[in-house]
Amino acid sequence: MRLYQGVDLVEVARLKEAYERHEAFGEDVFTEAERAYCLKRNNPYPHFAARFAAKEACLKAFGLGISEPGGLGGRGRLREVEVESAASGKPTLKLSGSMERMSARKKITQSTVSMSHTLELAVAQVILLGEDAPEKTD
């Protein structure tokens, strides 16, 4: 078995600034369900920041960054990592597109995501467990 791990820390104020400054930022980075979840909150930005951190942590676990092709541009890899919430509130990851294909190639059998935030900072950690598979990225 192989263990893949990623962690990311996001400043809530910087995320809020990007969200408010760039009209398409929210749609480019977050799925419709993620935006709906966050926008239900009195202060959605710590929740957006935690999800952004989870997306980045997931990319890091796969050995990728947002500056690589398919990263932040358009509806790239960040949108292909969706943070869902179970009925219990526990966050889970849903992968699509190239991220789902990469998960299949790495034979990922389990994923966990942990997120936390304050009004100023958000942090997320992603752990992926996969069967032995060749190291090959998209």
Foldseek 3Di string as FASTA:
>chain_A
DDKFKFKFKDWLVVQVCCPVVDVCQCVQQAPPVQCVVLVVDPHSRQSVQQLQRQLQGLCVSLVHGLVPVQRSPGNRSNHQWHWDADPVRATDTHGDDQSVVSCVQQAWDDKHKDWDGDNTMIMMMMMTDGDDHDSDHD
